[in-house]
């Protein structure tokens, strides 16, 4: 028989395999388009927010499409705050857990990539064997007990005919990308949590200090009322009223002390410490925090590329899309190729001798015929999973846009609130000074002084809270815009080419 037709047939088979391995089942992934909007809020943003004299009262303007600093917390100009954030990024166990999850997903993706290549195994098998006495020995010596040494190399390869393997690799890489973005989201959430908690802690301390000052002033006022009583100008009712007023102000301190301790504990845990080590943390002075006059505002079309939670949802959608190809390819023919080469001998030294060798080549082409619809249902499930991931992606995008819009509303409203709070504080201070002077002159009854004193306490606390709210709004904006991760130089490999 001529070898020509056999060679031609073999070449045709090889060509067919090569051609088929270029096919990829399932749809190719396409990045969803961002919402077709050019603004975040229904109303136009003001050219600048309201400004207030004093710490934290600077008017702010938005710089459209300005870069977002990945070390955005440095905008507050506090070295103590910078140290807290850097400490948390280096020591927080939740972030370390996210790092490990990313490493695991990356290794799994690399392992999946390896399945596209042939595999080879080497076996060395000594076998001690005894044959039945009624059976002739295969050995020339006629021995019924002997040892057979076998060395064998096995090679296996499954050509990815319809791209099911490549889709599995695509899925694994998308899962690794998901973990990378979730790690960035965890990093951003951690930094935001540290800054927000530090601001709240500074606000609570400032309120506690204000209460202590007010308690001291109330005590001075009580002494004045008692002197008035001794002089016969005031009665016991005025003394009792001032004692009640002093106790009322003093009662504000314990809840603030409690909140301050809880916030210090929270900061300790965020920075990888136990609450017992909270005294090692620096204290932030709210009045020393700088208020950035210019705030970045990303274009709406860029937001979906900047938010790590949106990008994680996109990667999940990519993984779900790849699963369709995996399920589709499972319904198509598969080919497995195997080969083995080895030798068997009675002693290890005889393994390389002539006549001890053997080899084998096999191929297995399989096509699913009947499975009661199981493979078809799995493909339907994969397509439904892709639709679910797409809906979750859209939900995440909408939440991101709402997050930015809500933060912009808060920045504008809280700037006005600080201005009003300062006006209230100044007016309450004047009212208290006037009422006290008039009472000392006998022009007004003591309840007027007490009412002015209560208003002064409330105004002082409201001013501190309003100042802290503005700093918290800046923190929230940087988080809502994605935190500037794409500007960093230490990105994991999965994100190097994923920037805006």
Protein backbone atom coordinates (compact mmCIF):
# COMPACT_ATOMS: atom_id res chain seq x y z
CA UNK A 1 0.00 0.00 0.00
CA UNK A 2 1.25 3.48 -0.87
CA UNK A 3 2.19 5.79 1.99
CA UNK A 4 1.14 8.88 0.00
CA UNK A 5 -2.60 8.72 0.72
CA UNK A 6 -1.87 8.01 4.41
CA UNK A 7 0.39 11.06 4.64
CA UNK A 8 -2.24 13.20 2.95
CA UNK A 9 -4.90 11.89 5.34
CA UNK A 10 -2.71 12.57 8.36
CA UNK A 11 -1.99 16.09 7.17
CA UNK A 12 -5.70 16.69 6.68
CA UNK A 13 -6.43 15.55 10.23
CA UNK A 14 -3.70 17.82 11.62
CA UNK A 15 -4.96 20.73 9.54
CA UNK A 16 -8.50 20.13 10.75
CA UNK A 17 -7.36 20.10 14.37
CA UNK A 18 -5.40 23.33 13.92
CA UNK A 19 -8.39 24.97 12.24
CA UNK A 20 -10.78 23.83 14.94
CA UNK A 21 -8.54 25.06 17.75
CA UNK A 22 -8.97 28.53 16.30
CA UNK A 23 -12.72 28.37 16.97
CA UNK A 24 -14.02 29.79 20.24
CA UNK A 25 -17.52 28.94 21.39
CA UNK A 26 -19.71 31.55 23.01
CA UNK A 27 -19.92 35.35 22.66
CA UNK A 28 -16.89 37.59 22.99
CA UNK A 29 -17.08 40.02 25.91
CA UNK A 30 -17.85 43.67 25.21
CA UNK A 31 -17.41 46.34 27.87
CA UNK A 32 -20.80 47.95 28.63
CA UNK A 33 -21.27 51.56 27.62
CA UNK A 34 -21.52 54.12 30.45
CA UNK A 35 -24.79 56.00 31.00
CA UNK A 36 -25.29 58.69 28.37
CA UNK A 37 -25.36 61.62 30.79
CA UNK A 38 -23.09 64.62 31.16
CA UNK A 39 -23.95 65.57 34.75
CA UNK A 40 -24.49 63.95 38.12
CA UNK A 41 -27.28 66.10 39.55
CA UNK A 42 -30.56 67.38 38.18
CA UNK A 43 -29.61 70.95 39.09
CA UNK A 44 -26.52 72.85 38.02
CA UNK A 45 -23.74 72.95 40.56
CA UNK A 46 -22.91 76.40 41.98
CA UNK A 47 -19.73 78.06 40.79
CA UNK A 48 -18.49 77.84 44.37
CA UNK A 49 -19.83 76.73 47.70
CA UNK A 50 -20.58 79.14 50.50
CA UNK A 51 -17.55 80.34 52.42
CA UNK A 52 -17.29 80.89 56.16
CA UNK A 53 -14.58 82.82 58.03
CA UNK A 54 -12.53 80.59 60.27
CA UNK A 55 -11.15 77.03 60.19
CA UNK A 56 -12.78 74.70 57.69
CA UNK A 57 -14.82 77.45 56.12
CA UNK A 58 -13.09 77.95 52.77
CA UNK A 59 -15.32 78.23 49.72
CA UNK A 60 -14.78 75.34 47.33
CA UNK A 61 -14.83 75.03 43.55
CA UNK A 62 -14.97 71.92 41.39
CA UNK A 63 -12.29 71.22 38.78
CA UNK A 64 -13.96 69.16 36.05
CA UNK A 65 -11.96 66.10 34.96
CA UNK A 66 -9.04 67.03 37.21
CA UNK A 67 -6.83 64.12 38.30
CA UNK A 68 -7.68 62.40 41.58
CA UNK A 69 -4.65 62.13 43.84
CA UNK A 70 -4.24 58.50 45.00
CA UNK A 71 -3.02 59.94 48.33
CA UNK A 72 -6.08 62.14 48.55
CA UNK A 73 -6.05 62.25 52.37
CA UNK A 74 -2.98 64.49 52.16
CA UNK A 75 -5.30 67.26 50.96
CA UNK A 76 -6.17 67.88 54.64
CA UNK A 77 -2.57 68.85 55.40
CA UNK A 78 -2.27 66.76 58.56
CA UNK A 79 0.85 64.71 59.14
CA UNK A 80 -0.88 62.84 61.96
CA UNK A 81 -3.73 61.87 59.65
CA UNK A 82 -1.25 60.77 56.97
CA UNK A 83 0.47 58.48 59.48
CA UNK A 84 -2.83 56.93 60.51
CA UNK A 85 -3.77 56.08 56.93
CA UNK A 86 -0.34 54.74 56.01
CA UNK A 87 -0.37 52.66 59.19
CA UNK A 88 -3.72 51.16 58.28
CA UNK A 89 -2.67 50.36 54.72
CA UNK A 90 0.38 48.53 56.04
CA UNK A 91 -1.16 46.71 59.01
CA UNK A 92 -4.89 46.19 58.51
CA UNK A 93 -5.69 42.43 58.44
CA UNK A 94 -8.74 42.85 56.20
CA UNK A 95 -6.55 44.40 53.51
CA UNK A 96 -3.99 41.63 54.00
CA UNK A 97 -6.81 39.12 53.51
CA UNK A 98 -7.74 40.85 50.25
CA UNK A 99 -4.09 40.63 49.15
CA UNK A 100 -4.09 36.88 49.81
CA UNK A 101 -7.38 36.43 47.95
CA UNK A 102 -5.85 38.19 44.94
CA UNK A 103 -2.76 35.97 45.05
CA UNK A 104 -4.98 32.89 45.19
CA UNK A 105 -7.09 34.01 42.23
CA UNK A 106 -3.96 34.86 40.24
CA UNK A 107 -2.48 31.41 40.89
CA UNK A 108 -5.73 29.72 39.87
CA UNK A 109 -5.77 31.70 36.61
CA UNK A 110 -2.21 30.62 35.86
CA UNK A 111 -3.10 27.02 36.68
CA UNK A 112 -6.06 27.20 34.29
CA UNK A 113 -3.80 28.58 31.55
CA UNK A 114 -1.52 25.56 31.99
CA UNK A 115 -4.35 23.18 31.09
CA UNK A 116 -4.11 24.31 27.45
CA UNK A 117 -0.67 22.70 27.17
CA UNK A 118 0.27 19.00 26.91
CA UNK A 119 1.08 17.20 30.14
CA UNK A 120 3.80 14.59 30.70
CA UNK A 121 4.30 12.14 33.55
CA UNK A 122 7.21 9.83 34.26
CA UNK A 123 6.57 6.61 36.16
CA UNK A 124 8.98 4.03 37.56
CA UNK A 125 7.14 0.95 38.80
CA UNK A 126 8.85 -2.12 40.32
CA UNK A 127 6.43 -5.06 40.64
CA UNK A 128 7.11 -8.24 42.62
CA UNK A 129 4.99 -10.99 41.06
CA UNK A 130 4.26 -14.67 41.64
CA UNK A 131 2.64 -16.86 39.00
CA UNK A 132 0.49 -19.92 39.59
CA UNK A 133 2.28 -23.26 39.72
CA UNK A 134 -0.02 -24.56 36.99
CA UNK A 135 1.05 -21.74 34.66
CA UNK A 136 4.22 -21.75 32.63
CA UNK A 137 6.77 -19.16 33.71
CA UNK A 138 7.51 -16.45 31.11
CA UNK A 139 11.13 -16.48 32.19
CA UNK A 140 13.80 -18.61 30.56
CA UNK A 141 14.91 -19.69 34.02
CA UNK A 142 11.43 -21.01 34.76
CA UNK A 143 11.25 -19.05 38.04
CA UNK A 144 7.71 -18.53 39.34
CA UNK A 145 8.57 -15.44 41.42
CA UNK A 146 10.27 -12.46 39.83
CA UNK A 147 10.47 -8.64 39.88
CA UNK A 148 9.51 -6.59 36.84
CA UNK A 149 10.83 -3.03 36.57
CA UNK A 150 8.86 -0.69 34.29
CA UNK A 151 9.83 2.88 33.34
CA UNK A 152 7.20 4.76 31.35
CA UNK A 153 6.70 8.28 30.00
CA UNK A 154 3.05 9.27 29.45
CA UNK A 155 2.08 12.28 27.35
CA UNK A 156 -1.47 13.60 27.10
CA UNK A 157 -2.93 16.50 25.16
CA UNK A 158 -6.49 17.68 24.67
CA UNK A 159 -6.66 20.17 21.77
CA UNK A 160 -9.03 23.02 22.59
CA UNK A 161 -11.15 22.38 19.49
CA UNK A 162 -13.98 24.79 20.22
CA UNK A 163 -12.42 27.17 22.73
CA UNK A 164 -13.93 25.76 25.91
CA UNK A 165 -10.50 25.73 27.53
CA UNK A 166 -9.75 29.26 26.41
CA UNK A 167 -13.08 30.42 27.84
CA UNK A 168 -12.17 28.76 31.14
CA UNK A 169 -8.91 30.69 31.12
CA UNK A 170 -10.84 33.86 30.31
CA UNK A 171 -13.16 33.14 33.23
CA UNK A 172 -10.26 32.53 35.62
CA UNK A 173 -8.51 35.73 34.55
CA UNK A 174 -11.73 37.68 34.99
CA UNK A 175 -12.08 36.24 38.48
CA UNK A 176 -8.52 37.36 39.25
CA UNK A 177 -9.37 40.80 37.89
CA UNK A 178 -12.45 40.84 40.10
CA UNK A 179 -10.31 40.12 43.14
CA UNK A 180 -7.86 42.84 42.11
CA UNK A 181 -10.62 45.44 41.92
CA UNK A 182 -12.21 44.19 45.13
CA UNK A 183 -8.83 44.60 46.75
CA UNK A 184 -8.69 48.20 45.50
CA UNK A 185 -12.22 48.75 46.80
CA UNK A 186 -11.15 47.37 50.18
CA UNK A 187 -8.10 49.66 50.18
CA UNK A 188 -10.25 52.69 49.37
CA UNK A 189 -12.85 51.75 51.97
CA UNK A 190 -10.12 51.33 54.57
CA UNK A 191 -8.53 54.71 53.83
CA UNK A 192 -11.94 56.38 53.84
CA UNK A 193 -12.84 54.63 57.10
CA UNK A 194 -9.67 55.81 58.80
CA UNK A 195 -10.08 59.42 57.64
CA UNK A 196 -13.80 59.55 58.41
CA UNK A 197 -13.27 58.00 61.85
CA UNK A 198 -10.38 60.35 62.60
CA UNK A 199 -12.53 63.36 61.64
CA UNK A 200 -15.39 62.11 63.79
CA UNK A 201 -12.98 61.47 66.65
CA UNK A 202 -11.55 64.99 66.32
CA UNK A 203 -15.07 66.41 66.23
CA UNK A 204 -16.06 64.46 69.34
CA UNK A 205 -12.97 65.63 71.20
CA UNK A 206 -13.65 69.23 70.20
CA UNK A 207 -17.24 68.91 71.42
CA UNK A 208 -16.07 67.37 74.69
CA UNK A 209 -13.56 70.19 75.20
CA UNK A 210 -16.29 72.73 74.45
CA UNK A 211 -18.57 71.08 77.00
CA UNK A 212 -15.83 71.18 79.63
CA UNK A 213 -15.30 74.87 78.95
CA UNK A 214 -19.04 75.48 79.20
CA UNK A 215 -19.22 73.56 82.48
CA UNK A 216 -16.48 75.80 83.88
CA UNK A 217 -18.35 78.91 82.73
CA UNK A 218 -21.57 77.54 84.20
CA UNK A 219 -19.76 77.04 87.51
CA UNK A 220 -18.58 80.67 87.41
CA UNK A 221 -22.13 81.74 86.68
CA UNK A 222 -23.37 79.67 89.62
CA UNK A 223 -20.90 81.45 91.90
CA UNK A 224 -22.20 84.77 90.59
CA UNK A 225 -25.80 83.78 91.29
CA UNK A 226 -24.90 82.70 94.81
CA UNK A 227 -23.20 86.03 95.40
CA UNK A 228 -26.33 87.75 94.14
CA UNK A 229 -28.37 85.64 96.55
CA UNK A 230 -26.08 86.56 99.43
CA UNK A 231 -26.54 90.21 98.52
CA UNK A 232 -30.29 89.73 98.52
CA UNK A 233 -30.66 90.42 94.81
CA UNK A 234 -31.47 86.85 93.70
CA UNK A 235 -33.54 84.18 95.34
CA UNK A 236 -33.08 80.45 95.84
CA UNK A 237 -35.01 79.75 92.63
CA UNK A 238 -32.28 81.44 90.56
CA UNK A 239 -29.60 79.39 92.34
CA UNK A 240 -31.51 76.17 91.75
CA UNK A 241 -32.03 77.09 88.09
CA UNK A 242 -28.31 77.67 87.56
CA UNK A 243 -27.44 74.46 89.39
CA UNK A 244 -29.78 72.63 87.02
CA UNK A 245 -28.24 74.40 84.04
CA UNK A 246 -24.74 73.43 85.13
CA UNK A 247 -25.78 69.81 85.65
CA UNK A 248 -27.49 69.79 82.26
CA UNK A 249 -24.31 70.91 80.53
CA UNK A 250 -22.16 68.51 82.56
CA UNK A 251 -24.45 65.64 81.55
CA UNK A 252 -23.34 66.13 77.94
CA UNK A 253 -19.78 65.07 78.77
CA UNK A 254 -20.14 61.33 79.60
CA UNK A 255 -21.77 60.40 76.25
CA UNK A 256 -19.03 62.30 74.46
CA UNK A 257 -16.35 60.57 76.54
CA UNK A 258 -17.93 57.23 75.66
CA UNK A 259 -18.11 58.05 71.94
CA UNK A 260 -14.52 59.27 71.96
CA UNK A 261 -13.30 56.03 73.54
CA UNK A 262 -15.25 53.95 71.01
CA UNK A 263 -13.82 55.93 68.11
CA UNK A 264 -10.29 55.54 69.46
CA UNK A 265 -10.88 51.78 69.70
CA UNK A 266 -12.15 51.74 66.12
CA UNK A 267 -9.11 53.63 64.88
CA UNK A 268 -6.85 51.19 66.71
CA UNK A 269 -8.48 48.19 65.03
CA UNK A 270 -8.43 49.86 61.60
CA UNK A 271 -4.69 50.38 61.97
CA UNK A 272 -4.10 46.76 62.99
CA UNK A 273 -3.86 47.36 66.74
CA UNK A 274 -5.81 46.20 69.75
CA UNK A 275 -7.93 48.74 71.67
CA UNK A 276 -5.37 48.52 74.49
CA UNK A 277 -2.90 50.20 72.12
CA UNK A 278 -5.20 53.11 71.28
CA UNK A 279 -2.98 55.49 73.26
CA UNK A 280 -0.28 54.95 70.63
CA UNK A 281 -2.42 56.73 68.04
CA UNK A 282 -1.90 60.42 67.27
CA UNK A 283 -4.69 62.87 68.03
CA UNK A 284 -6.16 64.97 65.23
CA UNK A 285 -7.02 68.62 65.87
CA UNK A 286 -10.15 69.45 63.89
CA UNK A 287 -9.24 73.13 63.66
CA UNK A 288 -5.87 72.25 62.12
CA UNK A 289 -7.32 70.26 59.22
CA UNK A 290 -7.03 72.12 55.94
CA UNK A 291 -10.09 72.50 53.73
CA UNK A 292 -9.07 72.06 50.05
CA UNK A 293 -10.34 74.97 48.01
CA UNK A 294 -10.43 72.97 44.76
CA UNK A 295 -12.06 69.57 44.45
CA UNK A 296 -11.74 67.22 41.47
CA UNK A 297 -14.91 66.14 39.70
CA UNK A 298 -14.56 63.36 37.15
CA UNK A 299 -16.59 63.33 33.96
CA UNK A 300 -19.61 61.02 34.23
CA UNK A 301 -18.29 59.02 31.28
CA UNK A 302 -15.09 58.34 33.23
CA UNK A 303 -16.69 57.37 36.52
CA UNK A 304 -17.44 53.77 35.52
CA UNK A 305 -13.75 53.25 34.66
CA UNK A 306 -12.59 54.75 37.97
CA UNK A 307 -14.82 53.14 40.57
CA UNK A 308 -13.28 49.84 41.76
CA UNK A 309 -16.68 48.46 42.71
CA UNK A 310 -17.99 49.11 39.19
CA UNK A 311 -14.87 47.58 37.65
CA UNK A 312 -15.25 44.52 39.88
CA UNK A 313 -18.85 44.14 38.70
CA UNK A 314 -17.63 44.49 35.11
CA UNK A 315 -15.07 41.73 35.66
CA UNK A 316 -17.79 39.53 37.13
CA UNK A 317 -19.84 40.15 34.00
CA UNK A 318 -16.83 39.17 31.88
CA UNK A 319 -16.46 35.95 33.88
CA UNK A 320 -20.15 35.14 33.45
CA UNK A 321 -19.89 35.79 29.72
CA UNK A 322 -16.97 33.35 29.47
CA UNK A 323 -19.03 30.70 31.23
CA UNK A 324 -21.43 30.70 28.27
CA UNK A 325 -18.55 29.63 26.01
CA UNK A 326 -17.52 26.93 28.48
CA UNK A 327 -21.05 25.51 28.58
CA UNK A 328 -21.45 25.73 24.79
CA UNK A 329 -18.14 23.97 24.11
CA UNK A 330 -19.11 21.15 26.47
CA UNK A 331 -21.86 20.18 23.99
CA UNK A 332 -19.42 19.90 21.07
CA UNK A 333 -16.92 17.14 20.17
CA UNK A 334 -13.76 16.76 22.23
CA UNK A 335 -10.45 15.12 21.33
CA UNK A 336 -7.93 13.53 23.68
CA UNK A 337 -4.51 12.39 22.45
CA UNK A 338 -2.23 10.15 24.48
CA UNK A 339 1.16 8.57 23.92
CA UNK A 340 3.44 6.47 26.05
CA UNK A 341 7.03 5.34 25.74
CA UNK A 342 8.82 3.01 28.12
CA UNK A 343 10.74 -0.14 28.88
CA UNK A 344 10.33 -3.22 31.10
CA UNK A 345 13.05 -5.51 32.44
CA UNK A 346 13.81 -7.84 35.32
CA UNK A 347 16.53 -5.53 36.61
CA UNK A 348 17.03 -1.79 36.46
CA UNK A 349 20.25 -2.27 34.52
CA UNK A 350 18.41 -4.06 31.70
CA UNK A 351 15.87 -1.27 31.07
CA UNK A 352 17.89 0.31 28.28
CA UNK A 353 18.69 -2.88 26.44
CA UNK A 354 17.35 -3.80 23.03
CA UNK A 355 14.00 -5.50 23.18
CA UNK A 356 12.91 -4.00 26.52
CA UNK A 357 11.14 -0.99 25.04
CA UNK A 358 7.49 -0.42 24.18
CA UNK A 359 5.36 2.49 22.99
CA UNK A 360 1.75 3.35 22.27
CA UNK A 361 -0.31 6.13 20.68
CA UNK A 362 -4.06 6.62 21.07
CA UNK A 363 -6.71 9.13 20.19
CA UNK A 364 -10.22 9.57 21.58
CA UNK A 365 -12.79 11.69 19.73
CA UNK A 366 -16.00 12.00 21.74
CA UNK A 367 -19.36 13.63 21.02
CA UNK A 368 -22.12 13.84 23.64
CA UNK A 369 -25.25 12.15 22.27
CA UNK A 370 -27.73 11.83 25.11
CA UNK A 371 -27.65 13.30 28.61
CA UNK A 372 -31.36 14.02 29.17
CA UNK A 373 -30.74 17.69 28.37
CA UNK A 374 -28.21 18.28 31.15
CA UNK A 375 -25.65 20.07 28.97
CA UNK A 376 -28.32 22.22 27.31
CA UNK A 377 -29.68 23.24 30.73
CA UNK A 378 -26.17 24.14 31.87
CA UNK A 379 -25.81 26.42 28.87
CA UNK A 380 -29.17 28.02 29.69
CA UNK A 381 -27.98 28.50 33.27
CA UNK A 382 -24.78 30.16 32.02
CA UNK A 383 -26.76 32.57 29.86
CA UNK A 384 -29.07 33.38 32.77
CA UNK A 385 -26.00 33.93 34.94
CA UNK A 386 -24.68 36.41 32.39
CA UNK A 387 -27.98 38.31 32.45
CA UNK A 388 -27.86 38.35 36.24
CA UNK A 389 -24.31 39.73 36.22
CA UNK A 390 -25.33 42.37 33.67
CA UNK A 391 -28.21 43.51 35.89
CA UNK A 392 -25.91 43.62 38.92
CA UNK A 393 -23.44 45.69 36.92
CA UNK A 394 -26.13 48.21 35.97
CA UNK A 395 -27.24 48.40 39.60
CA UNK A 396 -23.67 49.07 40.73
CA UNK A 397 -23.29 51.81 38.12
CA UNK A 398 -26.51 53.52 39.20
CA UNK A 399 -25.44 53.34 42.85
CA UNK A 400 -22.08 54.90 41.92
CA UNK A 401 -23.75 57.83 40.17
CA UNK A 402 -26.11 58.29 43.12
CA UNK A 403 -23.13 58.21 45.49
CA UNK A 404 -21.45 61.08 43.64
CA UNK A 405 -24.69 63.06 43.34
CA UNK A 406 -25.49 62.68 47.04
CA UNK A 407 -21.97 63.77 47.97
CA UNK A 408 -22.20 66.86 45.77
CA UNK A 409 -25.51 67.79 47.41
CA UNK A 410 -23.92 67.32 50.83
CA UNK A 411 -20.89 69.48 49.97
CA UNK A 412 -23.07 72.38 48.86
CA UNK A 413 -25.62 72.09 51.69
CA UNK A 414 -23.07 71.57 54.47
CA UNK A 415 -21.10 74.62 53.32
CA UNK A 416 -24.24 76.70 53.84
CA UNK A 417 -24.91 74.90 57.12
CA UNK A 418 -21.46 75.86 58.45
CA UNK A 419 -22.07 79.51 57.59
CA UNK A 420 -25.40 79.45 59.44
CA UNK A 421 -23.87 77.55 62.36
CA UNK A 422 -21.19 80.18 62.77
CA UNK A 423 -23.78 82.95 62.62
CA UNK A 424 -25.82 81.08 65.22
CA UNK A 425 -22.76 80.67 67.45
CA UNK A 426 -21.82 84.34 67.20
CA UNK A 427 -25.40 85.44 67.85
CA UNK A 428 -25.77 83.06 70.80
CA UNK A 429 -22.53 84.34 72.33
CA UNK A 430 -23.71 87.95 72.02
CA UNK A 431 -27.12 87.04 73.41
CA UNK A 432 -25.61 85.36 76.43
CA UNK A 433 -23.23 88.25 77.14
CA UNK A 434 -26.07 90.76 76.87
CA UNK A 435 -28.49 88.71 78.98
CA UNK A 436 -25.90 88.18 81.70
CA UNK A 437 -25.05 91.89 81.78
CA UNK A 438 -28.70 92.88 81.95
CA UNK A 439 -29.35 90.35 84.72
CA UNK A 440 -26.42 91.68 86.73
CA UNK A 441 -27.88 95.17 86.26
CA UNK A 442 -31.28 93.92 87.37
CA UNK A 443 -32.89 94.64 84.00
CA UNK A 444 -34.04 91.06 83.24
CA UNK A 445 -35.04 88.01 85.24
CA UNK A 446 -32.69 85.06 85.50
CA UNK A 447 -34.63 82.73 83.12
CA UNK A 448 -33.52 84.98 80.26
CA UNK A 449 -29.89 84.29 81.18
CA UNK A 450 -30.56 80.59 81.44
CA UNK A 451 -32.21 80.48 78.00
CA UNK A 452 -29.29 82.38 76.46
CA UNK A 453 -26.85 80.02 78.13
CA UNK A 454 -28.60 76.94 76.73
CA UNK A 455 -28.59 78.48 73.24
CA UNK A 456 -24.88 79.20 73.59
CA UNK A 457 -24.13 75.57 74.46
CA UNK A 458 -26.16 74.26 71.54
CA UNK A 459 -24.60 76.75 69.12
CA UNK A 460 -21.06 75.82 70.13
CA UNK A 461 -21.67 72.11 69.60
CA UNK A 462 -23.47 72.73 66.30
CA UNK A 463 -20.51 74.74 65.00
CA UNK A 464 -18.08 71.91 65.73
CA UNK A 465 -20.39 69.37 64.09
CA UNK A 466 -20.87 71.55 61.01
CA UNK A 467 -17.13 72.02 60.62
CA UNK A 468 -16.57 68.25 60.84
CA UNK A 469 -19.34 67.58 58.32
CA UNK A 470 -17.51 69.60 55.66
CA UNK A 471 -14.33 67.58 56.12
CA UNK A 472 -16.35 64.36 56.01
CA UNK A 473 -17.94 65.49 52.73
CA UNK A 474 -14.51 65.93 51.13
CA UNK A 475 -13.58 62.43 52.25
CA UNK A 476 -16.80 61.03 50.81
CA UNK A 477 -16.19 62.75 47.46
CA UNK A 478 -12.75 61.23 47.01
CA UNK A 479 -14.18 57.80 47.77
CA UNK A 480 -17.13 58.36 45.42
CA UNK A 481 -14.74 59.24 42.58
CA UNK A 482 -12.74 56.03 43.03
CA UNK A 483 -9.81 57.26 45.09
CA UNK A 484 -7.37 57.71 42.21
CA UNK A 485 -6.11 54.10 42.18
CA UNK A 486 -5.29 54.32 38.45
CA UNK A 487 -2.68 57.01 39.20
CA UNK A 488 -0.64 54.72 41.47
CA UNK A 489 2.62 53.11 40.38
CA UNK A 490 2.31 49.98 42.56
CA UNK A 491 -0.72 48.43 40.90
CA UNK A 492 -1.03 44.63 40.70
CA UNK A 493 -0.43 43.16 37.21
CA UNK A 494 -4.16 42.63 36.64
CA UNK A 495 -4.77 46.40 36.84
CA UNK A 496 -1.72 47.85 35.12
CA UNK A 497 -3.57 48.14 31.79
CA UNK A 498 -6.95 48.80 33.38
CA UNK A 499 -6.64 52.50 34.21
CA UNK A 500 -9.02 55.15 33.02
